[in-house]
Every structure is written in structure tokens, then in C-alpha cells.
Amino acid sequence: MNPLVTVGIALYNHEKYIKECLESVINQTYENIEIIVIDDGSKDGSYKVAKEVLESQTKKPYILKTRPNIGMCNTLNEIIDLSQGEYISFIGSDDFWHTEKITKQAKYLDEHQDVALVHCNSYLVDSNSQIYDKFDCSNRQVEGCMFEGIILGGAVINTPAHLYRTNVYTKIGKYDPQFRWEDTDFWQRLTKVYKVGFINEFLTYYRRHGENLSKDDNVLKFINDEVVRMYHKNIDDQILLRKAVTKMYKKSFLRALRSGKVNHILKYLPKLLSCKILGKC
């Protein structure tokens, strides 16, 4: 039998999208899938819709839970604790997949035992699930030994399009709840130890809208500072650390300059100068 794949869904306030998300998982051509959905205290009808969809099908076994909100990272870790799969993939509760996504990625991992994670490209869709753009990773480093590339920005793991081996948790641990960008920290830790693979196909559909974290103001308020904390946590080489932090502060300063946000200009300019000139990062 093919390896069991866990598909994890941290569900929160996506009543409008969870049906399409779940149906794309249920209709995967790969048969040996378990679905774990944890509703993280949704304030809309998300749990009810998920329950109706899962109870109406018999193709895939599932676990469905609801409880008060404890945040994305803790929910991902709860799913990991419940998981029985040899491979795991998390899907945003507002995203959906091509029917061959798991089949192709599981086959890749089966055939490349030296690789811990495989990812692919994504279509970008609007609130009506219409494709309006695409995220093509193939012009950057997307496979092999990627740690330094991930740190310095020349490499990328497409978060909405991954499948990885669950045995990585024994070496690198689970998701770190101190970060709101928990996937960035996790990819840093994973690539520090393991190789990555890539399938140059568009097998996932990522919904980008106003709720996503990666907006300009969010970046300047907390995300770049979070990434610097990740660098200090995950980078052992002091030369690479200084290079990475300097680059991040320069990026933050230039972004603040373009946006005209004086408070962020005054925040990041001293940090950039301290790191670049004095080596205090």
C-alpha cells in the first residue's frame, strides 16, 4: 500500500471557502489519505460546513474537532500530534488543490529518499476562485541544499504547495508558537538539515486577499523583526548571520522609505547602521 498521507487543515472563519478546500482534498486521486480538520474557534459557520462535507463522503477517513481559539501555530502542532501519516501536507482552509497534487508529490518522495520535502508552483485565485496570476518558483533556487539560499532570499519554498516527511519532527521539532510566521522558521530549520525537491507544475491554488499576513504594514510592524529573531535562533555561522540581518534591515529601511512611514524609517536606520558598520546585529 502507498504511504499514508496526512492532510491537515487549521480552519478559521472560512465558511465561504472550506467546502471547496475539503472537496479538493477528498477528490485527490491518491487514495491513502487521512484528513484532520481542527476548527480554531471560528466565529462563522465554518465548522458546520466542514462537518456537512466530511460526513457526506466515504472516500477519506477524517478527524474533525472544534474548540476555542489558540492560534494557527498551536493548531498545526495539534494536527501533527494527531497525525498517523508518513507524509504530511497542510492546506489553508481557503485554498484548494489540483486532483493530482498528492499523487505526484508522494511519488516524488518515494523516488527521492534523500529528500525530506517536495513543493511545486501555485496559481493565485481571487475570492471567486478565478485565476488572476501565478506564483512560478522555477526562476529561483527551489531544490537541493537550500539553507543559505532560504536565509539570503535566493531560494524559496512555496508554503501552500508542500508535502514532507513526518519523521523530520524528531530532528527539528514542530512549529514554534513564538512566531506568527511559523512556516518561515520551520523552513529554515528543515533546510538546515534536509534536502528539498521540486516539481515544476502548478498543482495548488492559493487565495490571496485582505486577510493574508504579508501586507506592507504588517511587514514593517512585526514580520521583519520576527525574521531577524529567527536568524538569531537558526544561524550558527556568525558571518552568515551578520550578512542576513544586515540585508533584512536594509530591506526594511528601504520599504519604510518608499512608503513614507517616518516611525519605521527611524526604527530601521539605526539598526541598519549598527549592524553594517559596528557589526552589532
Protein backbone atom coordinates (compact mmCIF):
# COMPACT_ATOMS: atom_id res chain seq x y z
CA MET A 1 0.00 0.00 0.00
CA ASN A 2 1.15 3.55 -0.67
CA PRO A 3 2.36 5.54 2.37
CA LEU A 4 -0.35 7.22 4.43
CA VAL A 5 -0.54 10.97 3.82
CA THR A 6 -1.98 13.29 6.46
CA VAL A 7 -3.69 16.41 5.16
CA GLY A 8 -4.04 18.98 7.92
CA ILE A 9 -6.42 21.92 7.88
CA ALA A 10 -6.38 24.63 10.53
CA LEU A 11 -9.85 26.08 9.99
CA TYR A 12 -10.70 29.64 10.98
CA ASN A 13 -13.54 31.83 9.69
CA HIS A 14 -13.60 30.42 6.16
CA GLU A 15 -17.25 29.41 5.89
CA LYS A 16 -17.26 30.62 2.27
CA TYR A 17 -14.23 28.59 1.18
CA ILE A 18 -13.91 25.43 3.31
CA LYS A 19 -16.26 23.35 1.13
CA GLU A 20 -14.13 23.91 -1.97
CA CYS A 21 -10.98 23.26 0.06
CA LEU A 22 -12.23 19.97 1.50
CA GLU A 23 -13.66 18.73 -1.78
CA SER A 24 -10.28 19.25 -3.44
CA VAL A 25 -8.70 17.03 -0.77
CA ILE A 26 -11.44 14.40 -0.84
CA ASN A 27 -11.16 14.16 -4.63
CA GLN A 28 -7.41 13.60 -4.68
CA THR A 29 -6.51 10.65 -6.90
CA TYR A 30 -4.14 9.47 -4.16
CA GLU A 31 -6.27 7.16 -2.04
CA ASN A 32 -4.36 6.63 1.20
CA ILE A 33 -5.11 9.99 2.82
CA GLU A 34 -6.35 10.89 6.29
CA ILE A 35 -7.89 14.34 6.77
CA ILE A 36 -7.51 16.20 10.07
CA VAL A 37 -9.52 19.40 10.46
CA ILE A 38 -9.35 21.48 13.63
CA ASP A 39 -11.65 24.46 13.81
CA ASP A 40 -9.74 27.08 15.78
CA GLY A 41 -12.72 28.83 17.33
CA SER A 42 -14.33 30.17 14.15
CA LYS A 43 -16.95 32.86 14.65
CA ASP A 44 -18.85 31.95 11.49
CA GLY A 45 -20.35 28.70 10.19
CA SER A 46 -17.04 27.14 9.16
CA TYR A 47 -17.29 24.12 11.46
CA LYS A 48 -20.86 23.35 10.40
CA VAL A 49 -19.93 23.44 6.70
CA ALA A 50 -16.86 21.26 7.27
CA LYS A 51 -18.94 18.75 9.24
CA GLU A 52 -21.53 18.52 6.48
CA VAL A 53 -18.92 18.00 3.75
CA LEU A 54 -16.95 15.37 5.65
CA GLU A 55 -19.99 13.43 6.82
CA SER A 56 -21.37 13.28 3.28
CA GLN A 57 -18.34 11.41 1.87
CA THR A 58 -16.76 7.99 2.41
CA LYS A 59 -13.59 8.31 0.31
CA LYS A 60 -11.25 9.60 3.01
CA PRO A 61 -11.16 8.93 6.79
CA TYR A 62 -11.12 12.08 8.87
CA ILE A 63 -10.87 13.68 12.28
CA LEU A 64 -12.87 16.86 12.87
CA LYS A 65 -12.61 18.92 16.05
CA THR A 66 -13.69 22.34 17.22
CA ARG A 67 -12.59 24.26 20.31
CA PRO A 68 -11.79 27.82 21.45
CA ASN A 69 -9.13 29.74 19.53
CA ILE A 70 -5.49 29.05 20.43
CA GLY A 71 -3.84 30.32 17.23
CA MET A 72 -2.52 28.91 13.98
CA CYS A 73 0.79 27.56 15.22
CA ASN A 74 -0.66 25.64 18.16
CA THR A 75 -3.36 24.26 15.88
CA LEU A 76 -0.77 22.99 13.39
CA ASN A 77 1.06 21.26 16.23
CA GLU A 78 -2.16 19.70 17.47
CA ILE A 79 -2.75 18.28 14.00
CA ILE A 80 0.81 16.90 13.99
CA ASP A 81 0.15 15.16 17.32
CA LEU A 82 -2.96 13.50 15.86
CA SER A 83 -1.30 12.58 12.58
CA GLN A 84 -0.57 8.96 11.65
CA GLY A 85 0.85 9.70 8.20
CA GLU A 86 4.33 9.05 6.86
CA TYR A 87 3.94 12.24 4.82
CA ILE A 88 2.05 15.41 5.73
CA SER A 89 0.73 18.48 3.92
CA PHE A 90 -1.12 21.45 5.37
CA ILE A 91 -3.63 23.32 3.24
CA GLY A 92 -5.08 26.73 4.04
CA SER A 93 -8.80 26.48 4.70
CA ASP A 94 -9.41 28.98 1.90
CA ASP A 95 -7.13 27.28 -0.65
CA PHE A 96 -7.63 24.24 -2.89
CA TRP A 97 -5.64 21.68 -4.88
CA HIS A 98 -5.35 20.06 -8.28
CA THR A 99 -6.60 16.45 -8.04
CA GLU A 100 -3.10 15.04 -8.78
CA LYS A 101 -1.25 17.12 -6.19
CA ILE A 102 -0.67 14.42 -3.59
CA THR A 103 -0.19 11.63 -6.14
CA LYS A 104 2.65 13.46 -7.87
CA GLN A 105 4.33 14.70 -4.71
CA ALA A 106 4.11 11.37 -2.86
CA LYS A 107 5.61 9.64 -5.92
CA TYR A 108 8.46 12.15 -5.87
CA LEU A 109 9.24 11.48 -2.21
CA ASP A 110 9.02 7.72 -2.79
CA GLU A 111 11.59 8.02 -5.59
CA HIS A 112 13.91 10.50 -3.84
CA GLN A 113 14.71 9.07 -0.43
CA ASP A 114 17.36 11.75 0.20
CA VAL A 115 14.74 14.50 0.02
CA ALA A 116 12.56 15.46 3.02
CA LEU A 117 10.18 17.91 1.33
CA VAL A 118 8.81 18.49 -2.16
CA HIS A 119 6.92 21.56 -3.36
CA CYS A 120 5.55 22.99 -6.60
CA ASN A 121 4.11 26.15 -8.19
CA SER A 122 0.75 27.77 -7.36
CA TYR A 123 -1.98 29.61 -9.19
CA LEU A 124 -3.25 32.73 -7.41
CA VAL A 125 -7.03 32.96 -7.19
CA ASP A 126 -9.47 35.65 -6.12
CA SER A 127 -12.48 35.43 -3.80
CA ASN A 128 -14.46 33.78 -6.60
CA SER A 129 -11.77 31.13 -7.23
CA GLN A 130 -10.81 32.70 -10.55
CA ILE A 131 -7.14 32.54 -11.51
CA TYR A 132 -5.67 36.03 -11.86
CA ASP A 133 -1.94 35.31 -11.63
CA LYS A 134 0.55 32.59 -10.82
CA PHE A 135 3.44 32.03 -8.45
CA ASP A 136 6.18 30.40 -10.51
CA CYS A 137 9.13 29.45 -8.29
CA SER A 138 11.25 27.96 -11.05
CA ASN A 139 13.37 31.08 -11.61
CA ARG A 140 14.82 30.80 -8.08
CA GLN A 141 16.60 28.04 -6.21
CA VAL A 142 13.88 25.53 -5.35
CA GLU A 143 15.68 22.26 -4.65
CA GLY A 144 18.78 20.69 -3.16
CA CYS A 145 20.65 22.11 -0.16
CA MET A 146 18.80 25.38 0.34
CA PHE A 147 19.56 26.71 3.82
CA GLU A 148 21.81 29.61 2.84
CA GLY A 149 19.56 30.45 -0.10
CA ILE A 150 16.48 30.50 2.16
CA ILE A 151 18.31 32.78 4.61
CA LEU A 152 19.57 35.24 1.99
CA GLY A 153 16.49 35.21 -0.22
CA GLY A 154 17.76 33.46 -3.33
CA ALA A 155 15.80 30.31 -2.59
CA VAL A 156 12.13 29.71 -1.85
CA ILE A 157 9.81 27.02 -0.53
CA ASN A 158 6.27 27.60 -1.74
CA THR A 159 4.39 27.17 1.53
CA PRO A 160 0.90 26.47 0.08
CA ALA A 161 2.36 23.69 -2.10
CA HIS A 162 4.40 21.39 0.13
CA LEU A 163 4.47 17.73 1.14
CA TYR A 164 7.07 16.50 3.60
CA ARG A 165 8.08 13.51 5.70
CA THR A 166 6.75 13.47 9.27
CA ASN A 167 9.98 11.97 10.58
CA VAL A 168 11.58 15.43 10.30
CA TYR A 169 9.90 16.35 13.59
CA THR A 170 12.25 14.04 15.51
CA LYS A 171 15.24 16.17 14.42
CA ILE A 172 13.91 19.71 14.07
CA GLY A 173 10.80 19.75 16.26
CA LYS A 174 7.37 21.10 15.39
CA TYR A 175 6.20 24.66 14.67
CA ASP A 176 7.41 27.34 17.09
CA PRO A 177 4.50 29.28 18.65
CA GLN A 178 6.64 32.34 19.41
CA PHE A 179 6.40 33.29 15.70
CA ARG A 180 3.39 34.43 13.68
CA TRP A 181 5.27 33.45 10.51
CA GLU A 182 5.79 29.94 11.83
CA ASP A 183 6.34 28.42 8.38
CA THR A 184 9.37 30.68 7.69
CA ASP A 185 11.08 29.48 10.87
CA PHE A 186 10.16 25.86 10.10
CA TRP A 187 11.57 26.03 6.56
CA GLN A 188 14.81 27.49 7.92
CA ARG A 189 15.17 24.63 10.38
CA LEU A 190 14.19 21.99 7.81
CA THR A 191 16.61 23.18 5.11
CA LYS A 192 19.42 23.38 7.66
CA VAL A 193 19.24 19.58 7.95
CA TYR A 194 17.48 18.22 4.86
CA LYS A 195 17.39 18.47 1.07
CA VAL A 196 14.34 19.78 -0.79
CA GLY A 197 12.76 18.65 -4.08
CA PHE A 198 10.60 20.45 -6.61
CA ILE A 199 8.01 19.60 -9.26
CA ASN A 200 7.75 22.31 -11.89
CA GLU A 201 3.97 22.15 -12.21
CA PHE A 202 1.04 24.24 -10.94
CA LEU A 203 -0.75 21.90 -8.54
CA THR A 204 -2.19 24.25 -5.92
CA TYR A 205 -4.49 27.26 -5.84
CA TYR A 206 -3.61 29.94 -3.30
CA ARG A 207 -6.21 32.53 -2.37
CA ARG A 208 -4.67 35.94 -1.77
CA HIS A 209 -6.91 38.51 -0.11
CA GLY A 210 -7.00 41.19 2.55
CA GLU A 211 -6.72 38.73 5.43
CA ASN A 212 -3.27 37.49 4.44
CA LEU A 213 -0.39 38.47 6.73
CA SER A 214 2.11 39.61 4.12
CA LYS A 215 0.80 43.16 3.65
CA ASP A 216 3.21 46.09 3.65
CA ASP A 217 2.19 47.46 7.05
CA ASN A 218 2.39 44.01 8.68
CA VAL A 219 5.86 43.53 7.24
CA LEU A 220 7.11 46.78 8.77
CA LYS A 221 5.28 46.35 12.06
CA PHE A 222 6.43 42.89 13.07
CA ILE A 223 7.31 40.41 10.32
CA ASN A 224 10.83 41.63 9.52
CA ASP A 225 11.70 41.81 13.23
CA GLU A 226 10.38 38.26 13.59
CA VAL A 227 12.59 37.06 10.77
CA VAL A 228 15.65 38.63 12.44
CA ARG A 229 14.80 36.74 15.63
CA MET A 230 14.58 33.56 13.54
CA TYR A 231 18.04 34.26 12.13
CA HIS A 232 19.50 34.54 15.62
CA LYS A 233 17.79 31.30 16.56
CA ASN A 234 18.71 29.24 13.48
CA ILE A 235 22.02 30.54 12.08
CA ASP A 236 25.22 29.30 13.72
CA ASP A 237 27.70 30.92 11.30
CA GLN A 238 28.29 34.48 12.54
CA ILE A 239 29.35 35.77 9.11
CA LEU A 240 26.15 34.47 7.52
CA LEU A 241 24.13 35.85 10.46
CA ARG A 242 25.56 39.36 10.05
CA LYS A 243 25.02 39.24 6.29
CA ALA A 244 21.42 38.07 6.68
CA VAL A 245 20.47 40.59 9.38
CA THR A 246 22.11 43.49 7.52
CA LYS A 247 20.19 42.57 4.38
CA MET A 248 16.89 42.38 6.29
CA TYR A 249 17.41 45.77 7.97
CA LYS A 250 18.35 47.35 4.65
CA LYS A 251 15.22 45.87 3.06
CA SER A 252 13.09 47.16 5.95
CA PHE A 253 14.61 50.64 5.79
CA LEU A 254 14.09 50.94 2.02
CA ARG A 255 10.50 49.69 2.33
CA ALA A 256 9.83 52.28 5.04
CA LEU A 257 11.43 54.96 2.90
CA ARG A 258 9.23 54.11 -0.11
CA SER A 259 6.09 54.06 2.00
CA GLY A 260 6.95 57.32 3.76
CA LYS A 261 6.47 55.82 7.23
CA VAL A 262 8.71 58.05 9.34
CA ASN A 263 8.39 55.94 12.51
CA HIS A 264 9.67 52.87 10.67
CA ILE A 265 12.46 54.86 8.98
CA LEU A 266 13.64 55.99 12.41
CA LYS A 267 13.34 52.43 13.68
CA TYR A 268 15.32 50.64 10.99
CA LEU A 269 18.03 53.16 10.01
CA PRO A 270 19.91 52.92 13.35
CA LYS A 271 19.61 49.12 13.28
CA LEU A 272 20.99 49.00 9.74
CA LEU A 273 23.93 51.26 10.58
CA SER A 274 24.70 49.40 13.81
CA CYS A 275 24.74 46.06 12.02
CA LYS A 276 26.55 47.17 8.86
CA ILE A 277 29.19 49.44 10.43
CA LEU A 278 29.63 48.20 14.00
CA GLY A 279 28.76 44.55 13.43
CA LYS A 280 26.17 44.66 16.22
CA CYS A 281 23.25 42.75 14.78
